[in-house]
C-alpha cells in the first residue's frame, strides 16, 4: 500500500472479538472508519465455546481476517472465576444493574483483559514491524490500533473495563514494544464504547451494520441465553433502552 516514498497512511487495526454484542459493534465500527481490520478471538479455557462459534460467524459476515487463538492453559492460572471454573463458583444471577456496580463479581476473570491486550498487541506489533522493516513503510505513515469493547457505564464492575486502566496499558505497550521505543509508533488502544450506555451501544451497532443476530452474550453457553446472568441482563437492558428487538432471540 505505502512504501518509504509513499504518502498514504497504513492504518492497521486488530479487534479483540468475543462474539458478543459489544465486540461485534466495535468490529463493525472499525471497518467503517478506514482501518485495515483483522480480528482475534481468544479461547482462554472459558466454560463454553458458544461465544467462539459466534465470533467466527461474525468475522465471516463482516469479511474480517480472523484468528482463534487457543490459550486454554489460562484457565488453570486464572482459576478464581465462575467463567473458568463454574463447577466451583456459581454465576451471579438476577442482579440489577445497580447491584452489578457495587462490587467486582466472581464472573471476573483475573487479569483477562491484560492478557488479551498483550496477545493482541504481540500480533499487531508483528504486523506493524513487518510493514516497517520488510515492506518499507515509513514510521510516520503507520498507525497500529487495538480495538477492545470495554464499557464503564453499563457493566459488571470489572476493574479492567475502566478508562484509567486503558490509559495505563497504552503507555505500558508503548514502553514495552520495539514499535514504540525504536520507531516512535504507539500501539494505540481504542475503546469506542467505554462511555456509552447499553442502549447507545445497540443503536451504534445497528447504525454500523453489525450482524447482531449472530452474536451471543450469555455466560451459561446454552442453546438459548439463560436470561439471568449479568451479561444477559445487560444485553436485555440495552435492547429495551434502544427500543429494538434482539435479533438473536428471534424464533429459529
C-alpha atoms as a PDB file:
ATOM      1  CA  UNK A   1       0.000   0.000   0.000  1.00  0.00           C
ATOM      2  CA  UNK A   2       2.614   2.537   1.011  1.00  0.00           C
ATOM      3  CA  UNK A   3       6.401   2.464   0.870  1.00  0.00           C
ATOM      4  CA  UNK A   4       9.200   4.618   2.158  1.00  0.00           C
ATOM      5  CA  UNK A   5       8.492   7.151  -0.548  1.00  0.00           C
ATOM      6  CA  UNK A   6       4.705   6.869  -0.325  1.00  0.00           C
ATOM      7  CA  UNK A   7       2.370   9.407   1.169  1.00  0.00           C
ATOM      8  CA  UNK A   8      -0.625   7.205   2.018  1.00  0.00           C
ATOM      9  CA  UNK A   9      -1.187   6.124   5.571  1.00  0.00           C
ATOM     10  CA  UNK A  10      -1.140   2.477   6.592  1.00  0.00           C
ATOM     11  CA  UNK A  11      -3.790   2.061   9.269  1.00  0.00           C
ATOM     12  CA  UNK A  12      -3.617  -1.365  10.874  1.00  0.00           C
ATOM     13  CA  UNK A  13      -6.286  -2.377  13.362  1.00  0.00           C
ATOM     14  CA  UNK A  14      -6.902  -5.502  15.383  1.00  0.00           C
ATOM     15  CA  UNK A  15     -10.238  -6.098  17.095  1.00  0.00           C
ATOM     16  CA  UNK A  16     -10.465  -8.341  20.139  1.00  0.00           C
ATOM     17  CA  UNK A  17     -13.630 -10.157  19.086  1.00  0.00           C
ATOM     18  CA  UNK A  18     -15.519 -12.226  21.654  1.00  0.00           C
ATOM     19  CA  UNK A  19     -18.623 -12.872  19.571  1.00  0.00           C
ATOM     20  CA  UNK A  20     -20.813 -10.814  21.898  1.00  0.00           C
ATOM     21  CA  UNK A  21     -22.847  -7.674  21.324  1.00  0.00           C
ATOM     22  CA  UNK A  22     -20.196  -5.137  22.291  1.00  0.00           C
ATOM     23  CA  UNK A  23     -17.182  -6.526  20.433  1.00  0.00           C
ATOM     24  CA  UNK A  24     -19.292  -7.073  17.314  1.00  0.00           C
ATOM     25  CA  UNK A  25     -20.383  -3.436  17.449  1.00  0.00           C
ATOM     26  CA  UNK A  26     -16.729  -2.379  17.728  1.00  0.00           C
ATOM     27  CA  UNK A  27     -15.680  -4.596  14.805  1.00  0.00           C
ATOM     28  CA  UNK A  28     -18.392  -3.140  12.568  1.00  0.00           C
ATOM     29  CA  UNK A  29     -17.470   0.386  13.645  1.00  0.00           C
ATOM     30  CA  UNK A  30     -13.747  -0.141  12.968  1.00  0.00           C
ATOM     31  CA  UNK A  31     -14.497  -1.354   9.452  1.00  0.00           C
ATOM     32  CA  UNK A  32     -16.350   1.887   8.719  1.00  0.00           C
ATOM     33  CA  UNK A  33     -13.557   4.181   9.891  1.00  0.00           C
ATOM     34  CA  UNK A  34     -10.863   3.450   7.316  1.00  0.00           C
ATOM     35  CA  UNK A  35      -8.762   0.808   9.045  1.00  0.00           C
ATOM     36  CA  UNK A  36      -7.432  -2.411   7.565  1.00  0.00           C
ATOM     37  CA  UNK A  37      -9.177  -4.525  10.178  1.00  0.00           C
ATOM     38  CA  UNK A  38      -8.446  -8.043  11.359  1.00  0.00           C
ATOM     39  CA  UNK A  39      -9.796  -9.813  14.414  1.00  0.00           C
ATOM     40  CA  UNK A  40      -8.616 -12.258  17.021  1.00  0.00           C
ATOM     41  CA  UNK A  41     -10.697 -14.392  19.364  1.00  0.00           C
ATOM     42  CA  UNK A  42      -9.109 -15.917  22.448  1.00  0.00           C
ATOM     43  CA  UNK A  43     -10.108 -19.355  23.679  1.00  0.00           C
ATOM     44  CA  UNK A  44      -8.821 -18.960  27.227  1.00  0.00           C
ATOM     45  CA  UNK A  45     -10.380 -22.050  28.768  1.00  0.00           C
ATOM     46  CA  UNK A  46     -13.783 -20.500  29.350  1.00  0.00           C
ATOM     47  CA  UNK A  47     -16.538 -22.903  30.256  1.00  0.00           C
ATOM     48  CA  UNK A  48     -18.185 -22.973  26.825  1.00  0.00           C
ATOM     49  CA  UNK A  49     -17.320 -22.476  23.146  1.00  0.00           C
ATOM     50  CA  UNK A  50     -20.565 -20.844  22.107  1.00  0.00           C
ATOM     51  CA  UNK A  51     -19.106 -17.344  22.006  1.00  0.00           C
ATOM     52  CA  UNK A  52     -16.161 -18.565  19.914  1.00  0.00           C
ATOM     53  CA  UNK A  53     -18.523 -20.046  17.349  1.00  0.00           C
ATOM     54  CA  UNK A  54     -20.401 -16.725  17.284  1.00  0.00           C
ATOM     55  CA  UNK A  55     -17.160 -14.804  16.784  1.00  0.00           C
ATOM     56  CA  UNK A  56     -16.319 -16.963  13.767  1.00  0.00           C
ATOM     57  CA  UNK A  57     -19.713 -16.269  12.209  1.00  0.00           C
ATOM     58  CA  UNK A  58     -19.458 -12.549  12.948  1.00  0.00           C
ATOM     59  CA  UNK A  59     -15.995 -12.330  11.391  1.00  0.00           C
ATOM     60  CA  UNK A  60     -17.229 -14.100   8.282  1.00  0.00           C
ATOM     61  CA  UNK A  61     -20.239 -11.792   7.997  1.00  0.00           C
ATOM     62  CA  UNK A  62     -18.001  -8.720   8.320  1.00  0.00           C
ATOM     63  CA  UNK A  63     -15.385 -10.195   5.960  1.00  0.00           C
ATOM     64  CA  UNK A  64     -12.605  -9.924   8.540  1.00  0.00           C
ATOM     65  CA  UNK A  65      -9.372 -11.855   8.572  1.00  0.00           C
ATOM     66  CA  UNK A  66      -9.862 -13.815  11.780  1.00  0.00           C
ATOM     67  CA  UNK A  67      -7.775 -15.963  14.097  1.00  0.00           C
ATOM     68  CA  UNK A  68      -8.873 -18.067  17.023  1.00  0.00           C
ATOM     69  CA  UNK A  69      -6.015 -18.388  19.491  1.00  0.00           C
ATOM     70  CA  UNK A  70      -6.122 -21.363  21.842  1.00  0.00           C
ATOM     71  CA  UNK A  71      -4.569 -20.489  25.210  1.00  0.00           C
ATOM     72  CA  UNK A  72      -6.764 -22.759  27.282  1.00  0.00           C
ATOM     73  CA  UNK A  73      -3.995 -23.137  29.863  1.00  0.00           C
ATOM     74  CA  UNK A  74      -5.020 -19.700  31.120  1.00  0.00           C
ATOM     75  CA  UNK A  75      -7.980 -21.400  32.793  1.00  0.00           C
ATOM     76  CA  UNK A  76      -5.588 -23.063  35.226  1.00  0.00           C
ATOM     77  CA  UNK A  77      -3.890 -19.779  36.070  1.00  0.00           C
ATOM     78  CA  UNK A  78      -6.984 -17.579  36.305  1.00  0.00           C
ATOM     79  CA  UNK A  79      -8.841 -20.243  38.243  1.00  0.00           C
ATOM     80  CA  UNK A  80     -10.720 -17.995  40.661  1.00  0.00           C
ATOM     81  CA  UNK A  81     -13.653 -17.245  38.372  1.00  0.00           C
ATOM     82  CA  UNK A  82     -17.091 -18.576  37.551  1.00  0.00           C
ATOM     83  CA  UNK A  83     -16.221 -18.308  33.859  1.00  0.00           C
ATOM     84  CA  UNK A  84     -13.224 -20.619  34.093  1.00  0.00           C
ATOM     85  CA  UNK A  85     -14.481 -22.916  36.861  1.00  0.00           C
ATOM     86  CA  UNK A  86     -18.280 -22.767  37.016  1.00  0.00           C
ATOM     87  CA  UNK A  87     -18.339 -26.057  38.887  1.00  0.00           C
ATOM     88  CA  UNK A  88     -16.690 -24.281  41.832  1.00  0.00           C
ATOM     89  CA  UNK A  89     -18.130 -20.786  41.653  1.00  0.00           C
ATOM     90  CA  UNK A  90     -21.815 -20.262  40.801  1.00  0.00           C
ATOM     91  CA  UNK A  91     -22.569 -17.391  38.465  1.00  0.00           C
ATOM     92  CA  UNK A  92     -24.431 -14.416  39.922  1.00  0.00           C
ATOM     93  CA  UNK A  93     -27.999 -14.326  38.633  1.00  0.00           C
ATOM     94  CA  UNK A  94     -30.957 -11.948  38.500  1.00  0.00           C
ATOM     95  CA  UNK A  95     -28.938  -8.930  39.634  1.00  0.00           C
ATOM     96  CA  UNK A  96     -29.991  -5.373  38.892  1.00  0.00           C
ATOM     97  CA  UNK A  97     -27.541  -3.044  37.100  1.00  0.00           C
ATOM     98  CA  UNK A  98     -27.178  -1.179  40.393  1.00  0.00           C
ATOM     99  CA  UNK A  99     -26.182  -4.369  42.204  1.00  0.00           C
ATOM    100  CA  UNK A 100     -23.666  -5.167  39.458  1.00  0.00           C
ATOM    101  CA  UNK A 101     -21.885  -1.889  40.091  1.00  0.00           C
ATOM    102  CA  UNK A 102     -21.467  -2.440  43.838  1.00  0.00           C
ATOM    103  CA  UNK A 103     -18.578  -4.930  43.778  1.00  0.00           C
ATOM    104  CA  UNK A 104     -16.467  -6.994  41.397  1.00  0.00           C
ATOM    105  CA  UNK A 105     -18.344 -10.288  40.928  1.00  0.00           C
ATOM    106  CA  UNK A 106     -16.934 -13.801  40.754  1.00  0.00           C
ATOM    107  CA  UNK A 107     -17.510 -13.772  36.978  1.00  0.00           C
ATOM    108  CA  UNK A 108     -14.428 -11.538  36.795  1.00  0.00           C
ATOM    109  CA  UNK A 109     -11.504 -13.485  35.287  1.00  0.00           C
ATOM    110  CA  UNK A 110      -8.200 -12.415  36.907  1.00  0.00           C
ATOM    111  CA  UNK A 111      -6.287 -10.095  34.557  1.00  0.00           C
ATOM    112  CA  UNK A 112      -8.110 -11.401  31.486  1.00  0.00           C
ATOM    113  CA  UNK A 113      -8.127  -8.124  29.582  1.00  0.00           C
ATOM    114  CA  UNK A 114      -4.467  -7.537  30.421  1.00  0.00           C
ATOM    115  CA  UNK A 115      -3.689 -10.941  28.936  1.00  0.00           C
ATOM    116  CA  UNK A 116      -5.882 -10.318  25.897  1.00  0.00           C
ATOM    117  CA  UNK A 117      -4.328  -6.927  25.209  1.00  0.00           C
ATOM    118  CA  UNK A 118      -0.841  -8.434  25.425  1.00  0.00           C
ATOM    119  CA  UNK A 119      -1.740 -11.203  22.986  1.00  0.00           C
ATOM    120  CA  UNK A 120      -3.395  -8.781  20.581  1.00  0.00           C
ATOM    121  CA  UNK A 121      -0.515  -6.325  20.835  1.00  0.00           C
ATOM    122  CA  UNK A 122       2.005  -9.059  20.019  1.00  0.00           C
ATOM    123  CA  UNK A 123       0.142  -9.900  16.829  1.00  0.00           C
ATOM    124  CA  UNK A 124      -0.415  -6.277  15.874  1.00  0.00           C
ATOM    125  CA  UNK A 125       3.205  -5.297  16.565  1.00  0.00           C
ATOM    126  CA  UNK A 126       4.392  -8.197  14.410  1.00  0.00           C
ATOM    127  CA  UNK A 127       2.275  -6.945  11.514  1.00  0.00           C
ATOM    128  CA  UNK A 128       3.466  -3.373  12.049  1.00  0.00           C
ATOM    129  CA  UNK A 129       7.155  -4.352  12.224  1.00  0.00           C
ATOM    130  CA  UNK A 130       6.778  -6.358   9.027  1.00  0.00           C
ATOM    131  CA  UNK A 131       5.310  -3.281   7.341  1.00  0.00           C
ATOM    132  CA  UNK A 132       8.210  -1.130   8.551  1.00  0.00           C
ATOM    133  CA  UNK A 133      11.158  -3.472   8.155  1.00  0.00           C
ATOM    134  CA  UNK A 134      10.141  -5.640   5.205  1.00  0.00           C
ATOM    135  CA  UNK A 135       7.707  -3.549   3.178  1.00  0.00           C
ATOM    136  CA  UNK A 136       9.497  -0.249   3.731  1.00  0.00           C
ATOM    137  CA  UNK A 137       6.570   1.679   5.179  1.00  0.00           C
ATOM    138  CA  UNK A 138       7.705   4.953   6.759  1.00  0.00           C
ATOM    139  CA  UNK A 139       7.089   5.140  10.537  1.00  0.00           C
ATOM    140  CA  UNK A 140       5.359   8.489  10.197  1.00  0.00           C
ATOM    141  CA  UNK A 141       2.711   6.979   7.931  1.00  0.00           C
ATOM    142  CA  UNK A 142       1.891   3.956  10.077  1.00  0.00           C
ATOM    143  CA  UNK A 143      -0.841   3.536  12.678  1.00  0.00           C
ATOM    144  CA  UNK A 144      -1.359   0.433  14.821  1.00  0.00           C
ATOM    145  CA  UNK A 145      -4.540   0.291  16.874  1.00  0.00           C
ATOM    146  CA  UNK A 146      -6.081  -2.303  19.151  1.00  0.00           C
ATOM    147  CA  UNK A 147      -9.856  -2.107  19.446  1.00  0.00           C
ATOM    148  CA  UNK A 148     -11.492  -3.534  22.551  1.00  0.00           C
ATOM    149  CA  UNK A 149     -15.145  -3.366  23.576  1.00  0.00           C
ATOM    150  CA  UNK A 150     -14.653  -2.199  27.145  1.00  0.00           C
ATOM    151  CA  UNK A 151     -17.523  -0.335  28.771  1.00  0.00           C
ATOM    152  CA  UNK A 152     -17.555   1.556  32.067  1.00  0.00           C
ATOM    153  CA  UNK A 153     -21.210   2.620  32.146  1.00  0.00           C
ATOM    154  CA  UNK A 154     -23.423  -0.490  31.962  1.00  0.00           C
ATOM    155  CA  UNK A 155     -21.069  -3.253  33.069  1.00  0.00           C
ATOM    156  CA  UNK A 156     -20.429  -5.750  35.869  1.00  0.00           C
ATOM    157  CA  UNK A 157     -17.913  -3.621  37.751  1.00  0.00           C
ATOM    158  CA  UNK A 158     -14.772  -5.205  36.315  1.00  0.00           C
ATOM    159  CA  UNK A 159     -11.650  -3.107  37.043  1.00  0.00           C
ATOM    160  CA  UNK A 160     -10.228  -3.782  33.565  1.00  0.00           C
ATOM    161  CA  UNK A 161     -13.155  -2.003  31.908  1.00  0.00           C
ATOM    162  CA  UNK A 162     -12.301   1.487  33.177  1.00  0.00           C
ATOM    163  CA  UNK A 163     -10.744   4.359  31.189  1.00  0.00           C
ATOM    164  CA  UNK A 164      -7.763   4.833  33.503  1.00  0.00           C
ATOM    165  CA  UNK A 165      -6.781   1.198  33.010  1.00  0.00           C
ATOM    166  CA  UNK A 166      -6.585   1.607  29.232  1.00  0.00           C
ATOM    167  CA  UNK A 167      -4.576   4.811  29.510  1.00  0.00           C
ATOM    168  CA  UNK A 168      -2.042   2.961  31.635  1.00  0.00           C
ATOM    169  CA  UNK A 169      -1.990  -0.089  29.376  1.00  0.00           C
ATOM    170  CA  UNK A 170      -1.378   2.007  26.265  1.00  0.00           C
ATOM    171  CA  UNK A 171       1.663   3.556  27.934  1.00  0.00           C
ATOM    172  CA  UNK A 172       2.908   0.134  29.036  1.00  0.00           C
ATOM    173  CA  UNK A 173       2.629  -1.182  25.472  1.00  0.00           C
ATOM    174  CA  UNK A 174       4.498   1.851  24.152  1.00  0.00           C
ATOM    175  CA  UNK A 175       7.301   1.443  26.659  1.00  0.00           C
ATOM    176  CA  UNK A 176       7.495  -2.323  26.227  1.00  0.00           C
ATOM    177  CA  UNK A 177       7.457  -2.530  22.437  1.00  0.00           C
ATOM    178  CA  UNK A 178      10.066  -2.124  19.729  1.00  0.00           C
ATOM    179  CA  UNK A 179       7.417  -0.361  17.692  1.00  0.00           C
ATOM    180  CA  UNK A 180       7.009   2.332  20.321  1.00  0.00           C
ATOM    181  CA  UNK A 181      10.572   2.755  21.542  1.00  0.00           C
ATOM    182  CA  UNK A 182      12.576   2.395  18.318  1.00  0.00           C
ATOM    183  CA  UNK A 183      10.140   3.701  15.734  1.00  0.00           C
ATOM    184  CA  UNK A 184       8.007   6.055  17.805  1.00  0.00           C
ATOM    185  CA  UNK A 185       4.794   4.382  16.633  1.00  0.00           C
ATOM    186  CA  UNK A 186       2.488   3.830  19.603  1.00  0.00           C
ATOM    187  CA  UNK A 187       0.338   0.743  19.954  1.00  0.00           C
ATOM    188  CA  UNK A 188      -2.876   2.652  20.438  1.00  0.00           C
ATOM    189  CA  UNK A 189      -5.868   1.254  22.319  1.00  0.00           C
ATOM    190  CA  UNK A 190      -9.289   2.392  21.151  1.00  0.00           C
ATOM    191  CA  UNK A 191     -12.304   1.881  23.426  1.00  0.00           C
ATOM    192  CA  UNK A 192     -15.163   3.459  21.430  1.00  0.00           C
ATOM    193  CA  UNK A 193     -17.877   2.088  23.725  1.00  0.00           C
ATOM    194  CA  UNK A 194     -16.342   2.903  27.077  1.00  0.00           C
ATOM    195  CA  UNK A 195     -18.641   5.807  27.951  1.00  0.00           C
ATOM    196  CA  UNK A 196     -21.815   4.576  26.243  1.00  0.00           C
ATOM    197  CA  UNK A 197     -24.880   3.027  27.813  1.00  0.00           C
ATOM    198  CA  UNK A 198     -26.018  -0.377  26.560  1.00  0.00           C
ATOM    199  CA  UNK A 199     -28.862   1.284  24.713  1.00  0.00           C
ATOM    200  CA  UNK A 200     -26.420   3.601  22.945  1.00  0.00           C
ATOM    201  CA  UNK A 201     -24.235   0.608  22.062  1.00  0.00           C
ATOM    202  CA  UNK A 202     -27.180  -1.203  20.486  1.00  0.00           C
ATOM    203  CA  UNK A 203     -28.109   1.838  18.417  1.00  0.00           C
ATOM    204  CA  UNK A 204     -24.496   2.347  17.342  1.00  0.00           C
ATOM    205  CA  UNK A 205     -24.209  -1.312  16.364  1.00  0.00           C
ATOM    206  CA  UNK A 206     -27.326  -1.134  14.232  1.00  0.00           C
ATOM    207  CA  UNK A 207     -26.115   2.043  12.520  1.00  0.00           C
ATOM    208  CA  UNK A 208     -22.742   0.421  11.811  1.00  0.00           C
ATOM    209  CA  UNK A 209     -24.360  -2.628  10.243  1.00  0.00           C
ATOM    210  CA  UNK A 210     -23.226  -5.086  12.902  1.00  0.00           C
ATOM    211  CA  UNK A 211     -24.671  -8.610  12.467  1.00  0.00           C
ATOM    212  CA  UNK A 212     -26.264  -8.664  15.911  1.00  0.00           C
ATOM    213  CA  UNK A 213     -28.339 -11.741  15.138  1.00  0.00           C
ATOM    214  CA  UNK A 214     -25.121 -13.773  15.088  1.00  0.00           C
ATOM    215  CA  UNK A 215     -23.913 -12.605  18.493  1.00  0.00           C
ATOM    216  CA  UNK A 216     -24.050 -14.463  21.791  1.00  0.00           C
ATOM    217  CA  UNK A 217     -23.570 -12.897  25.221  1.00  0.00           C
ATOM    218  CA  UNK A 218     -24.759 -15.416  27.810  1.00  0.00           C
ATOM    219  CA  UNK A 219     -22.269 -16.702  30.368  1.00  0.00           C
ATOM    220  CA  UNK A 220     -24.037 -20.066  30.603  1.00  0.00           C
ATOM    221  CA  UNK A 221     -23.399 -21.152  26.999  1.00  0.00           C
ATOM    222  CA  UNK A 222     -26.701 -22.963  26.450  1.00  0.00           C
ATOM    223  CA  UNK A 223     -28.602 -23.339  23.199  1.00  0.00           C
ATOM    224  CA  UNK A 224     -30.663 -20.303  24.246  1.00  0.00           C
ATOM    225  CA  UNK A 225     -29.443 -17.495  26.525  1.00  0.00           C
ATOM    226  CA  UNK A 226     -30.280 -18.069  30.190  1.00  0.00           C
ATOM    227  CA  UNK A 227     -31.737 -14.585  30.646  1.00  0.00           C
ATOM    228  CA  UNK A 228     -30.489 -14.466  34.246  1.00  0.00           C
ATOM    229  CA  UNK A 229     -26.723 -13.871  34.253  1.00  0.00           C
ATOM    230  CA  UNK A 230     -25.235 -10.361  34.337  1.00  0.00           C
ATOM    231  CA  UNK A 231     -24.401 -10.453  30.645  1.00  0.00           C
ATOM    232  CA  UNK A 232     -27.924 -11.444  29.634  1.00  0.00           C
ATOM    233  CA  UNK A 233     -29.369  -8.780  31.926  1.00  0.00           C
ATOM    234  CA  UNK A 234     -27.212  -6.014  30.480  1.00  0.00           C
ATOM    235  CA  UNK A 235     -27.916  -7.118  26.918  1.00  0.00           C
ATOM    236  CA  UNK A 236     -31.677  -7.123  27.539  1.00  0.00           C
ATOM    237  CA  UNK A 237     -31.388  -3.670  29.128  1.00  0.00           C
ATOM    238  CA  UNK A 238     -29.609  -2.359  26.041  1.00  0.00           C
ATOM    239  CA  UNK A 239     -32.152  -3.583  23.524  1.00  0.00           C
ATOM    240  CA  UNK A 240     -35.017  -2.367  25.716  1.00  0.00           C
ATOM    241  CA  UNK A 241     -33.476   1.106  26.011  1.00  0.00           C
ATOM    242  CA  UNK A 242     -32.878   1.233  22.264  1.00  0.00           C
ATOM    243  CA  UNK A 243     -36.427   0.103  21.535  1.00  0.00           C
ATOM    244  CA  UNK A 244     -35.120  -2.603  19.211  1.00  0.00           C
ATOM    245  CA  UNK A 245     -35.954  -6.333  19.395  1.00  0.00           C
ATOM    246  CA  UNK A 246     -32.923  -8.542  19.990  1.00  0.00           C
ATOM    247  CA  UNK A 247     -32.441 -10.408  16.686  1.00  0.00           C
ATOM    248  CA  UNK A 248     -30.549 -13.200  18.438  1.00  0.00           C
ATOM    249  CA  UNK A 249     -33.756 -14.089  20.314  1.00  0.00           C
ATOM    250  CA  UNK A 250     -35.909 -14.397  17.184  1.00  0.00           C
ATOM    251  CA  UNK A 251     -37.512 -17.826  16.717  1.00  0.00           C
ATOM    252  CA  UNK A 252     -35.338 -20.194  14.691  1.00  0.00           C
END
